Protein backbone atom coordinates (compact mmCIF):
# COMPACT_ATOMS: atom_id res chain seq x y z
CA UNK A 1 0.00 0.00 0.00
CA UNK A 2 0.92 3.65 -0.42
CA UNK A 3 0.74 5.03 3.12
CA UNK A 4 0.81 8.71 4.03
CA UNK A 5 1.89 9.47 7.60
CA UNK A 6 0.73 13.03 8.23
CA UNK A 7 2.21 13.43 11.72
CA UNK A 8 5.58 12.63 13.23
CA UNK A 9 6.08 8.87 13.33
CA UNK A 10 8.73 6.74 15.07
CA UNK A 11 11.40 5.32 12.79
CA UNK A 12 10.56 1.83 14.05
CA UNK A 13 7.05 2.10 12.56
CA UNK A 14 8.28 3.18 9.15
CA UNK A 15 10.92 0.45 9.18
CA UNK A 16 8.30 -2.17 10.13
CA UNK A 17 5.88 -1.04 7.42
CA UNK A 18 8.62 -0.92 4.79
CA UNK A 19 9.74 -4.42 5.75
CA UNK A 20 6.15 -5.57 5.17
CA UNK A 21 6.31 -4.20 1.62
CA UNK A 22 4.47 -0.92 2.08
CA UNK A 23 5.57 2.42 0.63
CA UNK A 24 5.64 5.11 3.30
CA UNK A 25 5.52 8.89 2.83
CA UNK A 26 6.26 10.87 5.97
CA UNK A 27 4.91 14.43 5.76
CA UNK A 28 4.51 15.73 9.34
CA UNK A 29 4.16 19.38 8.25
CA UNK A 30 0.77 18.79 6.61
CA UNK A 31 -2.22 20.50 8.17
CA UNK A 32 -5.96 20.48 7.62
CA UNK A 33 -5.68 22.82 4.63
CA UNK A 34 -2.84 21.08 2.81
CA UNK A 35 -3.78 17.47 3.52
CA UNK A 36 -6.25 17.06 0.67
CA UNK A 37 -3.71 17.80 -2.06
CA UNK A 38 -1.41 15.10 -0.69
CA UNK A 39 -3.99 12.30 -0.82
CA UNK A 40 -4.20 11.77 -4.57
CA UNK A 41 -2.51 8.35 -4.83
CA UNK A 42 -2.69 7.28 -1.20
CA UNK A 43 -4.27 3.99 -0.09
CA UNK A 44 -4.04 4.61 3.66
CA UNK A 45 -3.63 7.71 5.81
CA UNK A 46 -2.25 7.80 9.35
CA UNK A 47 -2.89 10.86 11.52
CA UNK A 48 -2.47 11.82 15.13
CA UNK A 49 -3.50 15.46 15.46
CA UNK A 50 -3.83 16.55 11.81
CA UNK A 51 -7.52 17.29 11.06
CA UNK A 52 -9.12 15.22 8.30
CA UNK A 53 -12.00 17.18 6.78
CA UNK A 54 -14.71 16.18 4.36
CA UNK A 55 -13.03 18.39 1.74
CA UNK A 56 -9.75 16.52 2.11
CA UNK A 57 -11.50 13.17 1.80
CA UNK A 58 -13.59 14.20 -1.20
CA UNK A 59 -10.60 14.36 -3.52
CA UNK A 60 -8.92 11.18 -2.28
CA UNK A 61 -10.19 8.75 -4.88
CA UNK A 62 -7.94 5.84 -3.90
CA UNK A 63 -8.01 6.30 -0.12
CA UNK A 64 -9.51 3.27 1.63
CA UNK A 65 -8.40 3.59 5.26
CA UNK A 66 -7.74 6.38 7.76
CA UNK A 67 -5.97 5.33 10.95
CA UNK A 68 -5.99 7.55 14.01
CA UNK A 69 -2.81 6.91 16.01
CA UNK A 70 -4.70 6.98 19.29
CA UNK A 71 -8.23 6.46 20.52
CA UNK A 72 -10.24 9.62 19.81
CA UNK A 73 -11.41 10.30 16.24
CA UNK A 74 -12.98 13.71 16.82
CA UNK A 75 -10.47 15.36 14.45
CA UNK A 76 -11.67 13.15 11.58
CA UNK A 77 -14.92 13.74 9.69
CA UNK A 78 -16.15 10.20 10.25
CA UNK A 79 -19.55 10.89 8.65
CA UNK A 80 -17.88 12.02 5.44
CA UNK A 81 -15.63 8.96 5.44
CA UNK A 82 -18.68 6.74 5.89
CA UNK A 83 -20.46 8.35 2.94
CA UNK A 84 -17.39 7.73 0.77
CA UNK A 85 -16.89 4.13 1.92
CA UNK A 86 -13.60 4.85 3.67
CA UNK A 87 -12.79 2.85 6.79
CA UNK A 88 -11.78 4.83 9.89
CA UNK A 89 -9.87 2.86 12.51
CA UNK A 90 -8.24 3.84 15.77
CA UNK A 91 -5.76 2.31 18.20
CA UNK A 92 -7.61 2.24 21.53
CA UNK A 93 -6.18 1.31 24.88
CA UNK A 94 -2.50 1.50 23.97
CA UNK A 95 -2.03 4.79 25.83
CA UNK A 96 -4.42 4.04 28.69
CA UNK A 97 -1.70 3.59 31.30
CA UNK A 98 -0.02 6.87 30.37
CA UNK A 99 -3.26 8.83 30.69
CA UNK A 100 -4.14 7.08 33.94
CA UNK A 101 -0.72 7.90 35.38
CA UNK A 102 -1.13 11.59 34.53
CA UNK A 103 -4.64 11.59 36.01
CA UNK A 104 -3.34 10.37 39.35
CA UNK A 105 -0.37 12.73 39.04
CA UNK A 106 -2.71 15.70 38.68
CA UNK A 107 -4.69 14.50 41.69
CA UNK A 108 -1.57 14.22 43.83
CA UNK A 109 -0.39 17.63 42.62
CA UNK A 110 -3.69 19.20 43.66
CA UNK A 111 -3.85 17.53 47.04
CA UNK A 112 -0.23 18.31 47.95
CA UNK A 113 -0.07 21.61 46.01
CA UNK A 114 3.09 20.44 44.30
CA UNK A 115 3.17 23.14 41.61
CA UNK A 116 2.84 25.94 44.20
CA UNK A 117 5.54 24.30 46.33
CA UNK A 118 7.92 24.27 43.40
CA UNK A 119 7.12 27.85 42.36
CA UNK A 120 7.80 29.18 45.86
CA UNK A 121 11.03 27.24 46.26
CA UNK A 122 12.31 28.51 42.92
CA UNK A 123 11.60 32.07 44.02
CA UNK A 124 13.37 31.53 47.35
CA UNK A 125 10.26 31.25 49.54
CA UNK A 126 10.15 28.63 52.33
CA UNK A 127 6.53 28.02 53.38
CA UNK A 128 6.45 24.67 55.15
CA UNK A 129 3.61 25.71 57.45
CA UNK A 130 1.43 26.73 54.51
CA UNK A 131 2.03 23.59 52.49
CA UNK A 132 1.75 21.14 55.38
CA UNK A 133 -2.02 21.28 55.06
CA UNK A 134 -3.23 18.46 52.80
CA UNK A 135 -6.07 16.01 53.14
CA UNK A 136 -4.48 12.95 51.53
CA UNK A 137 -6.07 10.42 49.17
CA UNK A 138 -6.53 7.32 51.34
CA UNK A 139 -10.18 6.73 52.20
CA UNK A 140 -11.53 9.30 49.76
CA UNK A 141 -13.97 8.53 46.97
CA UNK A 142 -13.46 9.02 43.24
CA UNK A 143 -16.15 8.92 40.55
CA UNK A 144 -15.06 7.77 37.11
CA UNK A 145 -17.08 8.92 34.10
CA UNK A 146 -16.22 6.48 31.33
CA UNK A 147 -15.07 2.98 32.26
CA UNK A 148 -13.15 2.19 29.10
CA UNK A 149 -9.50 1.22 29.02
CA UNK A 150 -8.38 4.49 30.60
CA UNK A 151 -11.15 4.58 33.19
CA UNK A 152 -10.36 1.03 34.27
CA UNK A 153 -6.65 1.86 34.55
CA UNK A 154 -7.51 4.87 36.72
CA UNK A 155 -9.78 2.72 38.91
CA UNK A 156 -7.00 0.22 39.62
CA UNK A 157 -4.51 2.93 40.50
CA UNK A 158 -6.99 4.83 42.66
CA UNK A 159 -7.70 1.65 44.60
CA UNK A 160 -3.97 1.20 45.14
CA UNK A 161 -4.09 4.53 46.99
CA UNK A 162 -6.89 3.20 49.19
CA UNK A 163 -9.67 5.13 47.48
CA UNK A 164 -13.20 3.90 46.92
CA UNK A 165 -14.30 3.93 43.28
CA UNK A 166 -17.75 4.71 41.88
CA UNK A 167 -19.03 4.95 38.33
CA UNK A 168 -22.23 5.02 36.29
CA UNK A 169 -24.58 2.08 35.85
CA UNK A 170 -24.65 1.35 32.12
CA UNK A 171 -25.34 -1.60 29.81
CA UNK A 172 -21.97 -3.24 29.28
CA UNK A 173 -20.64 -6.51 27.83
CA UNK A 174 -20.64 -9.34 30.33
CA UNK A 175 -16.84 -9.47 30.59
CA UNK A 176 -16.64 -5.76 31.39
CA UNK A 177 -19.45 -6.08 33.95
CA UNK A 178 -17.57 -8.95 35.61
CA UNK A 179 -14.38 -6.85 35.79
CA UNK A 180 -16.34 -4.04 37.44
CA UNK A 181 -17.74 -6.49 40.01
CA UNK A 182 -14.32 -8.02 40.67
CA UNK A 183 -12.81 -4.58 41.28
CA UNK A 184 -15.61 -3.66 43.67
CA UNK A 185 -16.64 -0.54 41.76
CA UNK A 186 -19.97 0.80 43.03
CA UNK A 187 -22.43 1.91 40.35
CA UNK A 188 -24.93 4.77 40.58
CA UNK A 189 -27.75 5.62 38.17
CA UNK A 190 -26.78 9.04 36.82
CA UNK A 191 -24.06 11.67 36.61
CA UNK A 192 -25.59 14.03 39.17
CA UNK A 193 -25.82 11.25 41.74
CA UNK A 194 -22.22 10.30 41.00
CA UNK A 195 -20.95 13.87 41.40
CA UNK A 196 -22.87 14.26 44.66
CA UNK A 197 -21.51 10.97 46.03
CA UNK A 198 -17.76 11.50 45.55
CA UNK A 199 -14.89 13.76 46.56
CA UNK A 200 -13.24 13.60 43.14
CA UNK A 201 -14.79 13.37 39.68
CA UNK A 202 -12.58 12.26 36.77
CA UNK A 203 -13.57 12.28 33.10
CA UNK A 204 -12.57 9.64 30.55
CA UNK A 205 -15.10 9.92 27.72
CA UNK A 206 -14.61 10.64 24.00
CA UNK A 207 -15.19 14.08 22.57
CA UNK A 208 -18.02 14.88 20.18
CA UNK A 209 -21.58 16.13 20.16
CA UNK A 210 -22.81 13.47 22.59
CA UNK A 211 -20.42 14.54 25.36
CA UNK A 212 -20.02 18.27 24.68
CA UNK A 213 -20.94 20.18 27.85
CA UNK A 214 -21.57 16.93 29.71
CA UNK A 215 -20.22 18.44 32.91
CA UNK A 216 -22.31 21.58 33.31
CA UNK A 217 -23.17 23.88 36.20
CA UNK A 218 -25.59 21.38 37.74
CA UNK A 219 -22.96 18.63 37.81
CA UNK A 220 -20.34 20.98 39.25
CA UNK A 221 -22.80 22.17 41.89
CA UNK A 222 -23.43 18.54 42.84
CA UNK A 223 -19.69 17.97 43.19
CA UNK A 224 -19.52 21.01 45.45
CA UNK A 225 -16.90 23.63 46.31
CA UNK A 226 -14.76 21.14 48.24
CA UNK A 227 -14.57 18.73 45.32
CA UNK A 228 -11.88 18.07 42.73
CA UNK A 229 -12.50 17.75 39.00
CA UNK A 230 -10.02 15.92 36.77
CA UNK A 231 -10.23 16.03 32.97
CA UNK A 232 -7.75 14.23 30.75
CA UNK A 233 -10.28 13.46 27.99
CA UNK A 234 -11.45 16.41 25.86
CA UNK A 235 -11.81 20.07 26.74
CA UNK A 236 -15.35 20.48 25.40
CA UNK A 237 -16.68 17.83 27.78
CA UNK A 238 -16.75 20.55 30.46
CA UNK A 239 -18.73 23.79 30.30
CA UNK A 240 -15.79 26.12 30.97
CA UNK A 241 -17.93 29.14 31.91
CA UNK A 242 -19.61 27.06 34.61
CA UNK A 243 -16.24 25.65 35.63
CA UNK A 244 -14.77 29.12 36.19
CA UNK A 245 -17.69 30.00 38.47
CA UNK A 246 -17.10 26.81 40.47
CA UNK A 247 -13.35 27.44 40.64
CA UNK A 248 -14.05 30.92 42.00
CA UNK A 249 -16.20 29.25 44.65
CA UNK A 250 -13.43 26.89 45.81
CA UNK A 251 -13.50 23.87 43.47
CA UNK A 252 -10.08 22.64 42.40
CA UNK A 253 -9.31 21.07 39.04
CA UNK A 254 -6.57 19.08 37.35
CA UNK A 255 -6.81 19.59 33.61
CA UNK A 256 -4.80 18.26 30.69
CA UNK A 257 -7.25 19.55 28.08
CA UNK A 258 -8.94 22.86 27.37
CA UNK A 259 -11.75 23.94 25.06
CA UNK A 260 -9.63 26.61 23.35
CA UNK A 261 -6.20 24.98 23.37
CA UNK A 262 -3.91 25.67 20.36
CA UNK A 263 -3.67 23.09 17.58
CA UNK A 264 0.09 23.41 17.25
CA UNK A 265 2.61 21.97 19.67
CA UNK A 266 4.12 25.36 20.49
CA UNK A 267 1.97 28.47 20.70
CA UNK A 268 0.25 30.92 23.05
CA UNK A 269 -2.84 30.03 25.06
CA UNK A 270 -5.21 32.65 26.39
CA UNK A 271 -7.44 30.54 28.61
CA UNK A 272 -9.01 31.88 31.78
CA UNK A 273 -9.41 28.30 32.95
CA UNK A 274 -5.76 27.36 32.38
CA UNK A 275 -4.62 30.46 34.25
CA UNK A 276 -6.94 30.07 37.22
CA UNK A 277 -5.13 29.69 40.57
CA UNK A 278 -7.27 26.69 41.50
CA UNK A 279 -6.19 24.76 38.41
CA UNK A 280 -3.20 22.46 38.03
CA UNK A 281 -2.83 22.16 34.28
CA UNK A 282 -0.72 20.33 31.75
CA UNK A 283 -0.32 20.78 28.00
CA UNK A 284 -2.52 17.95 26.62
CA UNK A 285 0.25 15.43 27.27
CA UNK A 286 -1.79 12.57 28.70
CA UNK A 287 -0.71 10.05 26.09
CA UNK A 288 2.75 11.53 25.58
CA UNK A 289 5.10 9.04 27.16
CA UNK A 290 7.66 7.04 25.23
CA UNK A 291 6.02 3.83 26.37
CA UNK A 292 2.60 4.95 25.13
CA UNK A 293 3.89 6.28 21.83
CA UNK A 294 5.72 3.03 21.09
CA UNK A 295 2.61 1.02 21.94
CA UNK A 296 0.40 3.21 19.74
CA UNK A 297 2.90 3.08 16.87
CA UNK A 298 3.00 -0.71 17.06
CA UNK A 299 -0.80 -0.74 17.05
CA UNK A 300 -0.90 1.39 13.90
CA UNK A 301 1.40 -1.07 12.12
CA UNK A 302 -0.85 -3.95 13.18
CA UNK A 303 -3.99 -2.20 11.86
CA UNK A 304 -2.37 -1.37 8.52
CA UNK A 305 -0.93 -4.83 7.97
CA UNK A 306 -4.18 -6.54 8.94
CA UNK A 307 -5.97 -4.36 6.36
CA UNK A 308 -3.80 -5.73 3.56
CA UNK A 309 -4.82 -9.23 4.69
CA UNK A 310 -8.52 -8.36 4.49
CA UNK A 311 -9.12 -7.74 8.19
CA UNK A 312 -10.58 -4.44 9.40
CA UNK A 313 -9.41 -3.83 12.97
CA UNK A 314 -10.83 -1.25 15.39
CA UNK A 315 -13.11 0.25 12.76
CA UNK A 316 -15.33 2.99 14.20
CA UNK A 317 -17.65 3.64 11.23
CA UNK A 318 -19.09 0.28 10.30
CA UNK A 319 -22.76 -0.35 11.01
CA UNK A 320 -22.99 -2.67 14.00
CA UNK A 321 -26.76 -3.12 13.99
CA UNK A 322 -28.29 -5.89 11.93
CA UNK A 323 -29.66 -4.45 8.71
CA UNK A 324 -32.27 -5.81 6.35
CA UNK A 325 -35.39 -7.77 7.22
CA UNK A 326 -34.52 -11.25 5.93
CA UNK A 327 -31.63 -13.68 6.20
CA UNK A 328 -30.50 -16.07 3.47
CA UNK A 329 -28.14 -18.87 4.48
CA UNK A 330 -26.49 -20.76 1.60
CA UNK A 331 -24.28 -23.82 2.14
CA UNK A 332 -22.13 -24.34 -0.92
CA UNK A 333 -18.98 -25.90 -2.27
CA UNK A 334 -16.04 -23.54 -2.28
CA UNK A 335 -15.94 -22.96 -6.03
CA UNK A 336 -15.50 -19.96 -8.29
CA UNK A 337 -18.76 -18.30 -9.30
CA UNK A 338 -21.07 -19.50 -6.51
CA UNK A 339 -21.32 -16.12 -4.77
CA UNK A 340 -21.64 -14.36 -8.11
CA UNK A 341 -24.65 -16.56 -8.91
CA UNK A 342 -26.30 -15.82 -5.55
CA UNK A 343 -25.79 -12.06 -5.90
CA UNK A 344 -27.11 -12.12 -9.46
CA UNK A 345 -30.31 -13.80 -8.31
CA UNK A 346 -30.78 -11.20 -5.57
CA UNK A 347 -30.13 -8.36 -8.01
CA UNK A 348 -32.56 -9.72 -10.59
CA UNK A 349 -35.24 -9.88 -7.89
CA UNK A 350 -34.59 -6.33 -6.62
CA UNK A 351 -33.27 -7.51 -3.26
CA UNK A 352 -30.69 -5.21 -1.69
CA UNK A 353 -27.80 -6.90 0.09
CA UNK A 354 -27.22 -5.14 3.43
CA UNK A 355 -24.69 -7.41 5.13
CA UNK A 356 -22.84 -10.51 3.98
CA UNK A 357 -20.38 -13.01 5.37
CA UNK A 358 -18.86 -16.06 3.68
CA UNK A 359 -17.04 -18.54 5.90
CA UNK A 360 -14.99 -21.48 4.64
CA UNK A 361 -14.85 -24.73 6.61
CA UNK A 362 -11.70 -26.69 7.41
CA UNK A 363 -10.33 -28.36 4.30
CA UNK A 364 -11.64 -25.58 2.02
CA UNK A 365 -14.24 -27.89 0.51
CA UNK A 366 -17.44 -26.27 1.74
CA UNK A 367 -18.51 -22.83 2.86
CA UNK A 368 -21.58 -21.02 4.10
CA UNK A 369 -22.75 -17.59 3.00
CA UNK A 370 -25.02 -15.65 5.34
CA UNK A 371 -26.66 -12.72 3.61
CA UNK A 372 -29.02 -10.14 5.12
CA UNK A 373 -31.26 -8.52 2.54
CA UNK A 374 -33.99 -5.90 2.36
CA UNK A 375 -37.05 -7.36 0.69
CA UNK A 376 -39.01 -10.61 0.49
CA UNK A 377 -37.27 -13.96 0.06
CA UNK A 378 -39.98 -15.64 -1.96
CA UNK A 379 -40.02 -19.36 -2.81
CA UNK A 380 -39.02 -18.35 -6.33
CA UNK A 381 -35.90 -16.56 -5.11
CA UNK A 382 -34.91 -19.54 -2.96
CA UNK A 383 -35.47 -21.93 -5.87
CA UNK A 384 -33.32 -19.80 -8.19
CA UNK A 385 -30.48 -19.76 -5.66
CA UNK A 386 -30.78 -23.53 -5.14
CA UNK A 387 -30.53 -24.08 -8.89
CA UNK A 388 -27.00 -22.73 -9.01
CA UNK A 389 -24.00 -24.96 -9.59
CA UNK A 390 -22.22 -26.12 -6.42
CA UNK A 391 -25.05 -25.00 -4.08
CA UNK A 392 -25.61 -27.60 -1.34
CA UNK A 393 -28.64 -26.19 0.45
CA UNK A 394 -30.51 -22.95 1.06
CA UNK A 395 -32.28 -22.08 4.29
CA UNK A 396 -34.19 -19.07 5.50
CA UNK A 397 -34.58 -18.75 9.29
CA UNK A 398 -38.23 -18.80 10.28
CA UNK A 399 -38.11 -15.25 11.60
CA UNK A 400 -36.92 -14.02 8.17
CA UNK A 401 -38.52 -13.61 4.81
C-alpha cells in the first residue's frame, strides 16, 4: 500500500511497514488545509492530530483507510468517510496507562499543592507551614465517568491509593461487567448522583456532540466547592464558563485539556481556565510518554498490515446493527462463481444486500454464506439460488422472509 503518515512517526514504525512491503511517505508538516492535495494516490492515511476534513477526503479517490494513532477520532470527519466508503480505525487502549498515570499525578499535585511548592522554592520562599495542610487520598472517593480502558486503569490505581471507586450504571458486555464487580466498583444511576456521592470526579469519555458540555453547572454544583474535577479526555466535555464560576467558589481542578487549546505543539494560550489559581494544568500530554507512543505506533502497524490481509481492525464507522429484514443462508462448495450466482439472483429480484459473510470450513471444501437482505425472500428466489451450480442447500430462518 501507499501510506501517508501526516504526523511525526517513530522510525521503528516506518521500518516495520517498509519491511512488510508498504511504501511510506512521511509528511509531518501537513495540516488540515494542505492534507487534501497530498492524498491523490494514497491507499491509507495515518494521523495523530492533523484534522481530516470532508473536503480533504472528497478528492482522495484511492483512499480506503484512515488510521488515528490513538483512541479519539474527533479530528476526523467520520460521517464524510462513511459516505465515501472509507474505513476509519483507531488504536484504543494503547495509551491508557499513560493517561491514567497523569490523572493520578494531577490529583496528587492538587492535594499536595506540588506546583505551588515548586514555584515558591524557585523564588526563594520557604513556606512549610502553609504547604503542610493536605487532606491525603486514602479513604476518599473518586467517581469515574467512562469505564473504558483508561477509566479502568484509573480505577485500579486509585484503589492502590486506598480510594473507593464509583461509576455510572450502564449496559456493558458481560466481561466488562464482571471486571467491574471483581474490582468492587460501586455503580450509581446518573451523573448528578455520581458527582454528589464523591470527593473527586474524573472524566474519561470521548469528545463529540454526545459529550459536549456533559459536565455543566448542575454537575459541578453537585460535586460542590470542596470537590476536585479531573479532565484528561477532551476540553469540550466541560462547560468552561460554569467551571470558572465553580473554581471561583473553591472547586479545584486538574486539567490536561482545554476547550480553546492551540492546535500546534508550540503556541500561546489565552485561557481563563488554564490560568486560574485553583487549576493544576498540563499541556494535553496525557498520552505523551515514550512507552505509550511506542505502543500506539505498534498498534498502527498492526492495523495497517491486517488491512492488507482483508481484516478491518478497530473500525469505528461500520454499522454494528443488523440491517435488512430477511436472512438467506447458503451452504455451498467452495468454487468460483457461486457467490456471483447468488448475488445475481438477488439483483434480478430487486433484493438489496445489506450485510454478507462467507465462511470457509476446514479443508476448504465447503462454505456457508449468510446474507441479510432488504425485501421478500420468496419461494421463487430460494429456488433460483438452489438451482445454481455447487449449491448444497438454502435455508431461510423462520423469523426471516
